Protein backbone atom coordinates (compact mmCIF):
# COMPACT_ATOMS: atom_id res chain seq x y z
CA MET A 1 -10.86 -1.31 -8.91
CA ASN A 2 -9.68 -4.87 -10.63
CA PHE A 3 -9.15 -7.31 -7.61
CA ASN A 4 -6.52 -9.97 -7.63
CA GLU A 5 -6.32 -13.99 -6.44
CA GLN A 6 -3.07 -14.07 -4.76
CA GLN A 7 -4.14 -11.22 -1.90
CA PRO A 8 -7.12 -10.96 0.23
CA ILE A 9 -9.20 -8.24 -1.31
CA TYR A 10 -8.82 -6.34 2.49
CA VAL A 11 -5.08 -5.88 1.78
CA GLN A 12 -5.07 -4.20 -2.26
CA ILE A 13 -8.06 -2.34 -0.20
CA ALA A 14 -5.62 -1.30 1.93
CA ASP A 15 -2.81 -0.93 -0.91
CA TYR A 16 -5.31 0.72 -2.66
CA VAL A 17 -5.67 3.17 0.46
CA CYS A 18 -2.02 3.77 0.99
CA GLU A 19 -1.16 4.48 -2.44
CA HIS A 20 -3.87 7.28 -2.50
CA VAL A 21 -2.17 8.42 0.80
CA LEU A 22 1.49 7.73 -0.94
CA SER A 23 0.29 9.48 -4.27
CA LYS A 24 -1.21 12.86 -1.59
CA LYS A 25 -4.68 11.92 -3.28
CA TRP A 26 -5.47 11.77 0.47
CA LYS A 27 -3.76 14.04 2.81
CA GLU A 28 -2.77 13.54 6.06
CA GLY A 29 -5.21 15.33 8.99
CA GLU A 30 -7.88 15.32 5.91
CA ARG A 31 -11.17 12.69 6.86
CA ALA A 32 -10.61 9.53 4.71
CA PRO A 33 -13.87 8.32 2.98
CA SER A 34 -16.82 6.03 5.07
CA VAL A 35 -16.43 2.47 4.78
CA ARG A 36 -19.48 2.78 2.63
CA GLU A 37 -18.95 5.10 0.70
CA LEU A 38 -15.29 3.79 -0.07
CA GLY A 39 -17.59 0.20 -0.37
CA VAL A 40 -19.89 1.72 -3.13
CA SER A 41 -17.06 3.69 -5.31
CA LEU A 42 -14.75 0.34 -5.27
CA GLU A 43 -17.49 -2.64 -5.10
CA VAL A 44 -17.30 -4.33 -2.51
CA ASN A 45 -19.21 -5.44 1.03
CA PRO A 46 -18.86 -2.59 3.85
CA ASN A 47 -17.31 -5.33 6.07
CA THR A 48 -14.31 -5.83 3.80
CA VAL A 49 -13.77 -1.84 3.83
CA LEU A 50 -13.88 -2.21 6.81
CA ARG A 51 -11.56 -4.49 8.23
CA SER A 52 -8.97 -2.59 5.65
CA TYR A 53 -9.74 0.02 7.67
CA ASP A 54 -9.07 -2.45 11.02
CA PHE A 55 -5.50 -3.37 9.07
CA LEU A 56 -4.64 -0.08 8.59
CA GLN A 57 -5.38 1.38 12.00
CA ASN A 58 -3.09 -1.18 13.46
CA LEU A 59 -0.97 -0.14 11.53
CA GLU A 60 -1.30 3.65 12.74
CA VAL A 61 -1.64 5.18 9.39
CA ILE A 62 -5.70 5.60 9.28
CA THR A 63 -7.87 6.83 12.98
CA ASN A 64 -11.14 6.40 13.51
CA LYS A 65 -12.75 9.33 15.27
CA ARG A 66 -16.02 8.18 17.15
CA GLY A 67 -18.80 9.36 15.13
CA VAL A 68 -16.68 11.67 12.98
CA GLY A 69 -15.61 9.43 10.79
CA TYR A 70 -12.11 8.02 9.85
CA PHE A 71 -8.86 10.28 9.44
CA ILE A 72 -5.52 10.10 7.91
CA GLN A 73 -2.71 10.20 10.70
CA GLU A 74 -0.50 13.15 10.10
CA ASN A 75 2.30 10.65 10.08
CA ALA A 76 0.70 8.11 7.65
CA THR A 77 3.38 8.48 4.85
CA GLY A 78 6.24 7.55 7.07
CA LYS A 79 4.06 4.50 8.65
CA ILE A 80 3.58 3.66 5.07
CA ILE A 81 6.70 3.78 3.51
CA GLY A 82 8.25 1.87 6.43
CA PHE A 83 5.61 -1.10 6.06
CA LYS A 84 5.93 -1.22 2.55
CA LYS A 85 9.67 -1.32 2.87
CA ASN A 86 9.14 -4.46 5.25
CA ARG A 87 6.74 -6.41 2.72
CA PHE A 88 8.87 -5.73 0.19
CA PHE A 89 12.01 -6.67 1.53
CA ASP A 90 10.38 -9.56 3.25
CA GLU A 91 8.57 -10.36 0.09
CA GLU A 92 9.29 -9.54 -3.12
CA LEU A 93 13.38 -8.83 -3.27
CA PRO A 94 14.05 -12.86 -2.04
CA PRO A 95 12.61 -13.98 -5.30
CA ILE A 96 14.14 -11.44 -7.19
CA PHE A 97 18.08 -12.54 -5.37
CA ARG A 98 17.26 -16.22 -6.27
CA ASN A 99 16.52 -15.26 -10.00
CA MET A 100 19.84 -12.76 -10.10
CA GLU A 101 21.37 -16.22 -8.74
CA LEU A 102 20.42 -18.37 -11.06
CA LEU A 103 20.39 -15.98 -14.40
CA GLN A 104 24.37 -14.87 -12.59
CA ILE A 105 23.32 -11.50 -12.54
CA ASN A 106 25.46 -9.26 -10.89
CA MET A 107 24.69 -5.65 -8.97
CA LYS A 108 26.67 -4.30 -11.32
CA GLU A 109 24.40 -5.41 -14.40
CA VAL A 110 21.08 -4.47 -11.88
CA GLU A 111 22.45 -0.63 -10.77
CA ASN A 112 22.41 0.04 -14.74
CA ALA A 113 19.36 -1.22 -15.81
CA TYR A 114 18.00 1.16 -12.45
CA ASN A 115 19.64 3.88 -13.45
CA ILE A 116 18.40 3.82 -17.94
CA PHE A 117 15.23 3.28 -15.75
CA LYS A 118 15.34 6.18 -14.12
CA ASN A 119 16.51 8.63 -16.82
CA ASN A 120 13.34 6.85 -18.90
CA GLN A 121 10.91 7.89 -16.05
């Protein structure tokens, strides 16, 4: 995993976990990799993974079953989508709107570009 300097590493690891859940690589109700396993595979300190897992527990994406390990919650996909949508609207969309205004781009142009994007997927 290539980490960037714009976000804390624990947030990037949480995003990594969320992407695996959204892509169904890690299924709801199943055991997540242990802190140590994920730390080794991502080449990070286990304490950083633990911080990510604590963050994800607060979002109710994973849960810790003492002595057994971490598990993906049954409603994790919905929680992740809700969290990521909020983050998108709060952090990513405002700069896009500023650029649209500066470049005089209207919503119809965005809709056309989106339709082209969808058709090329």
